[in-house]
Amino acid sequence: MDLFSHSWAALRTAVAELRDADFGQPSGCTGWLVRDLVCHLVIDAQDVLITLVTPAATEPTRDAVTYWDAAGTPPTGDDPLDALTVRLAAAYEEPRLLTFHFDDVGSAAGRAAELADPDRRVSTCGEVLTTGDYLAAYVLEWTLHHLDLIAHLPDAAEPPAEGLARSREMLEKIAGAAFPATFSDKDALLVGTGRRAPTDAEKAELGVLADTFPLFLGCSPD
């Protein structure tokens, strides 16, 4: 849970440090500008708040790793919810309005996580997890979206090293395969989730594992 808070605080700081011109840059998410990604993070923060106050009485059905489902088809940006996010982001008109809303909801999500009982069961996406596992799953979400946010912003701060390492570990568990040790945590995440194609040298190092990646992750289906 501490790593959730650390990763989320770093991502919120990265958003707060964006310049107005940065919002018009492409993000690492197909079809989304930085402003669209920030709008998505508002929705993510709302999801965290909703889940933390949605108790469940049954046994957990997922944990921090099995929360994620891996698909073999990359996102196109044409999904109706993706398109809605783009329209919502445009409606803010000024970056300061979007960042204000994100800071407001994001801070609340951070406080709620810090106050949460890690052993309490919550329900989301039709599944039941302990609060601790749910928040641990979001370390991967925050880390990947932090990389998405700064994909074309070379001067921006990167995600915390601990979050990168934990996210790599989770991705490898989801895949059932480990990247070669020569891959940095960041490169493992980018290549492993299809955010960039592996170089020829990386393909050679991956060998048969090249057929395992990339994975396109989403919340477990209802």
Protein backbone atom coordinates (compact mmCIF):
# COMPACT_ATOMS: atom_id res chain seq x y z
CA MET A 1 0.00 0.00 0.00
CA ASP A 2 2.95 2.30 0.60
CA LEU A 3 4.09 1.65 -2.96
CA PHE A 4 0.63 2.57 -4.25
CA SER A 5 0.88 5.91 -2.44
CA HIS A 6 4.44 6.51 -3.62
CA SER A 7 3.64 5.70 -7.26
CA TRP A 8 0.43 7.72 -7.22
CA ALA A 9 2.12 10.75 -5.63
CA ALA A 10 4.87 10.65 -8.27
CA LEU A 11 2.32 10.51 -11.09
CA ARG A 12 0.30 13.37 -9.62
CA THR A 13 3.49 15.42 -9.30
CA ALA A 14 4.37 14.70 -12.94
CA VAL A 15 0.93 15.98 -14.01
CA ALA A 16 1.27 19.08 -11.82
CA GLU A 17 4.61 19.90 -13.47
CA LEU A 18 3.24 19.76 -17.04
CA ARG A 19 3.41 22.94 -19.08
CA ASP A 20 0.32 24.02 -21.01
CA ALA A 21 1.98 23.06 -24.30
CA ASP A 22 2.63 19.53 -22.99
CA PHE A 23 -1.09 18.75 -22.94
CA GLY A 24 -1.16 18.82 -26.74
CA GLN A 25 1.69 16.31 -27.07
CA PRO A 26 0.98 12.66 -27.90
CA SER A 27 1.00 10.26 -24.98
CA GLY A 28 2.11 6.65 -24.90
CA CYS A 29 -1.54 5.52 -25.20
CA THR A 30 -2.66 4.92 -28.78
CA GLY A 31 -4.97 7.69 -29.96
CA TRP A 32 -4.60 9.87 -26.87
CA LEU A 33 -2.87 13.17 -26.27
CA VAL A 34 -1.45 13.95 -22.86
CA ARG A 35 -4.65 15.83 -21.98
CA ASP A 36 -6.70 12.73 -22.80
CA LEU A 37 -4.51 10.59 -20.57
CA VAL A 38 -4.86 13.05 -17.68
CA CYS A 39 -8.64 12.94 -18.14
CA HIS A 40 -8.43 9.14 -17.99
CA LEU A 41 -6.48 9.46 -14.73
CA VAL A 42 -9.36 11.48 -13.28
CA ILE A 43 -11.63 8.54 -14.09
CA ASP A 44 -9.09 6.12 -12.63
CA ALA A 45 -9.01 8.11 -9.40
CA GLN A 46 -12.81 8.04 -9.28
CA ASP A 47 -12.70 4.26 -9.76
CA VAL A 48 -10.34 3.94 -6.80
CA LEU A 49 -12.67 6.00 -4.61
CA ILE A 50 -15.70 3.97 -5.71
CA THR A 51 -14.00 0.63 -5.15
CA LEU A 52 -12.68 1.52 -1.71
CA VAL A 53 -16.27 2.17 -0.55
CA THR A 54 -17.74 -0.91 -2.24
CA PRO A 55 -17.34 -3.65 0.39
CA ALA A 56 -17.73 -7.34 -0.41
CA ALA A 57 -18.69 -10.17 1.94
CA THR A 58 -17.45 -13.08 -0.15
CA GLU A 59 -13.99 -14.59 -0.47
CA PRO A 60 -11.50 -12.88 -2.83
CA THR A 61 -11.64 -14.10 -6.42
CA ARG A 62 -8.54 -12.22 -7.61
CA ASP A 63 -5.27 -10.89 -6.26
CA ALA A 64 -2.92 -8.10 -7.37
CA VAL A 65 -1.63 -10.14 -10.32
CA THR A 66 -4.74 -12.03 -11.43
CA TYR A 67 -6.70 -8.76 -11.33
CA TRP A 68 -5.24 -8.13 -14.77
CA ASP A 69 -6.38 -9.92 -17.91
CA ALA A 70 -3.93 -10.05 -20.80
CA ALA A 71 -5.28 -9.66 -24.34
CA GLY A 72 -3.42 -10.33 -27.57
CA THR A 73 -5.01 -7.48 -29.50
CA PRO A 74 -3.56 -3.98 -29.15
CA PRO A 75 -5.88 -1.06 -28.41
CA THR A 76 -6.76 1.11 -31.40
CA GLY A 77 -8.13 4.17 -29.61
CA ASP A 78 -11.51 3.60 -31.29
CA ASP A 79 -13.23 2.02 -28.29
CA PRO A 80 -16.38 4.04 -27.33
CA LEU A 81 -15.04 4.67 -23.84
CA ASP A 82 -11.71 5.82 -25.26
CA ALA A 83 -13.54 8.18 -27.60
CA LEU A 84 -15.61 9.50 -24.69
CA THR A 85 -12.43 10.25 -22.77
CA VAL A 86 -11.16 12.35 -25.67
CA ARG A 87 -14.41 14.36 -25.76
CA LEU A 88 -14.36 14.86 -22.01
CA ALA A 89 -10.76 16.06 -22.11
CA ALA A 90 -11.57 18.57 -24.85
CA ALA A 91 -14.47 19.93 -22.80
CA TYR A 92 -12.07 21.23 -20.16
CA GLU A 93 -10.73 23.70 -22.77
CA GLU A 94 -7.93 24.96 -20.48
CA PRO A 95 -5.23 22.73 -18.96
CA ARG A 96 -5.59 24.42 -15.57
CA LEU A 97 -9.19 23.27 -15.28
CA LEU A 98 -8.21 19.70 -16.00
CA THR A 99 -5.26 19.73 -13.62
CA PHE A 100 -7.41 21.28 -10.89
CA HIS A 101 -9.99 18.51 -11.22
CA PHE A 102 -7.28 15.85 -11.34
CA ASP A 103 -5.54 17.22 -8.26
CA ASP A 104 -8.83 17.43 -6.38
CA VAL A 105 -10.00 13.88 -7.13
CA GLY A 106 -6.48 12.42 -7.16
CA SER A 107 -5.65 13.80 -3.73
CA ALA A 108 -8.89 12.33 -2.36
CA ALA A 109 -8.06 8.92 -3.83
CA GLY A 110 -4.61 9.09 -2.25
CA ARG A 111 -6.04 9.94 1.16
CA ALA A 112 -8.65 7.20 0.92
CA ALA A 113 -5.95 4.64 0.11
CA GLU A 114 -3.86 5.69 3.10
CA LEU A 115 -6.87 5.29 5.41
CA ALA A 116 -8.00 1.95 3.99
CA ASP A 117 -7.84 -1.37 5.83
CA PRO A 118 -5.63 -3.63 3.66
CA ASP A 119 -7.52 -6.75 4.76
CA ARG A 120 -10.97 -5.44 3.93
CA ARG A 121 -12.59 -7.01 0.86
CA VAL A 122 -13.83 -4.81 -1.94
CA SER A 123 -15.59 -5.42 -5.23
CA THR A 124 -14.69 -4.09 -8.67
CA CYS A 125 -15.09 -5.31 -12.26
CA GLY A 126 -17.31 -8.08 -10.94
CA GLU A 127 -14.46 -9.49 -8.83
CA VAL A 128 -13.55 -9.44 -5.13
CA LEU A 129 -10.10 -8.51 -3.82
CA THR A 130 -8.62 -7.46 -0.53
CA THR A 131 -8.01 -3.73 -0.44
CA GLY A 132 -4.27 -4.39 -0.20
CA ASP A 133 -4.29 -6.47 -3.38
CA TYR A 134 -6.47 -3.96 -5.20
CA LEU A 135 -4.13 -1.10 -4.41
CA ALA A 136 -1.09 -3.23 -5.23
CA ALA A 137 -2.59 -3.93 -8.67
CA TYR A 138 -2.75 -0.20 -9.28
CA VAL A 139 0.99 0.18 -8.87
CA LEU A 140 1.22 -1.33 -12.35
CA GLU A 141 -1.48 1.02 -13.64
CA TRP A 142 0.18 4.13 -12.24
CA THR A 143 3.63 3.12 -13.42
CA LEU A 144 2.56 2.37 -16.99
CA HIS A 145 0.54 5.57 -17.22
CA HIS A 146 3.44 7.56 -15.81
CA LEU A 147 5.53 6.20 -18.68
CA ASP A 148 2.68 7.05 -21.07
CA LEU A 149 2.49 10.59 -19.72
CA ILE A 150 6.17 11.34 -20.34
CA ALA A 151 6.57 9.31 -23.55
CA HIS A 152 7.31 12.47 -25.57
CA LEU A 153 8.44 14.70 -22.71
CA PRO A 154 12.15 13.90 -22.30
CA ASP A 155 12.71 16.35 -19.44
CA ALA A 156 9.95 14.94 -17.23
CA ALA A 157 10.70 12.83 -14.17
CA GLU A 158 10.33 9.07 -14.56
CA PRO A 159 8.31 6.77 -12.27
CA PRO A 160 9.89 5.70 -8.98
CA ALA A 161 12.43 2.89 -9.32
CA GLU A 162 10.53 0.75 -6.81
CA GLY A 163 7.34 1.06 -8.87
CA LEU A 164 9.16 0.13 -12.06
CA ALA A 165 10.68 -2.95 -10.43
CA ARG A 166 7.40 -4.09 -8.88
CA SER A 167 5.53 -3.51 -12.13
CA ARG A 168 8.05 -5.57 -14.07
CA GLU A 169 7.67 -8.36 -11.53
CA MET A 170 3.89 -8.26 -11.90
CA LEU A 171 4.04 -8.23 -15.70
CA GLU A 172 6.35 -11.23 -15.71
CA LYS A 173 3.99 -13.11 -13.38
CA ILE A 174 1.04 -12.27 -15.63
CA ALA A 175 2.98 -13.51 -18.65
CA GLY A 176 4.43 -16.52 -16.89
CA ALA A 177 7.80 -15.58 -18.36
CA ALA A 178 10.69 -13.34 -17.33
CA PHE A 179 12.60 -10.82 -19.38
CA PRO A 180 16.36 -11.26 -19.69
CA ALA A 181 18.28 -9.52 -16.93
CA THR A 182 19.83 -7.23 -19.53
CA PHE A 183 16.48 -5.45 -19.95
CA SER A 184 15.99 -2.47 -17.69
CA ASP A 185 12.70 -2.40 -15.80
CA LYS A 186 11.49 0.47 -17.97
CA ASP A 187 12.36 -1.30 -21.23
CA ALA A 188 10.76 -4.53 -20.02
CA LEU A 189 7.52 -2.66 -19.35
CA LEU A 190 7.55 -0.74 -22.62
CA VAL A 191 8.32 -3.77 -24.76
CA GLY A 192 6.22 -6.13 -22.66
CA THR A 193 3.08 -4.05 -23.06
CA GLY A 194 3.61 -3.09 -26.69
CA ARG A 195 4.40 0.52 -25.99
CA ARG A 196 7.44 0.18 -28.20
CA ALA A 197 8.75 -2.54 -30.49
CA PRO A 198 11.87 -4.44 -29.43
CA THR A 199 15.09 -3.71 -31.28
CA ASP A 200 16.71 -6.50 -33.28
CA ALA A 201 19.18 -7.02 -30.44
CA GLU A 202 16.36 -7.24 -27.91
CA LYS A 203 14.50 -9.74 -30.09
CA ALA A 204 17.61 -11.88 -30.19
CA GLU A 205 17.89 -11.75 -26.40
CA LEU A 206 14.22 -12.59 -25.98
CA GLY A 207 14.47 -15.61 -28.25
CA VAL A 208 11.31 -17.70 -27.99
CA LEU A 209 9.95 -15.27 -25.37
CA ALA A 210 9.39 -12.78 -28.19
CA ASP A 211 6.23 -14.76 -28.94
CA THR A 212 4.96 -14.19 -25.39
CA PHE A 213 5.06 -10.42 -25.51
CA PRO A 214 3.52 -7.92 -25.86
CA LEU A 215 0.60 -8.22 -23.47
CA PHE A 216 -2.25 -5.72 -23.51
CA LEU A 217 -3.66 -5.46 -20.02
CA GLY A 218 -7.15 -4.65 -18.84
CA CYS A 219 -9.24 -5.04 -15.72
CA SER A 220 -10.68 -8.54 -15.28
CA PRO A 221 -14.03 -8.73 -17.07
CA ASP A 222 -17.37 -8.63 -15.29
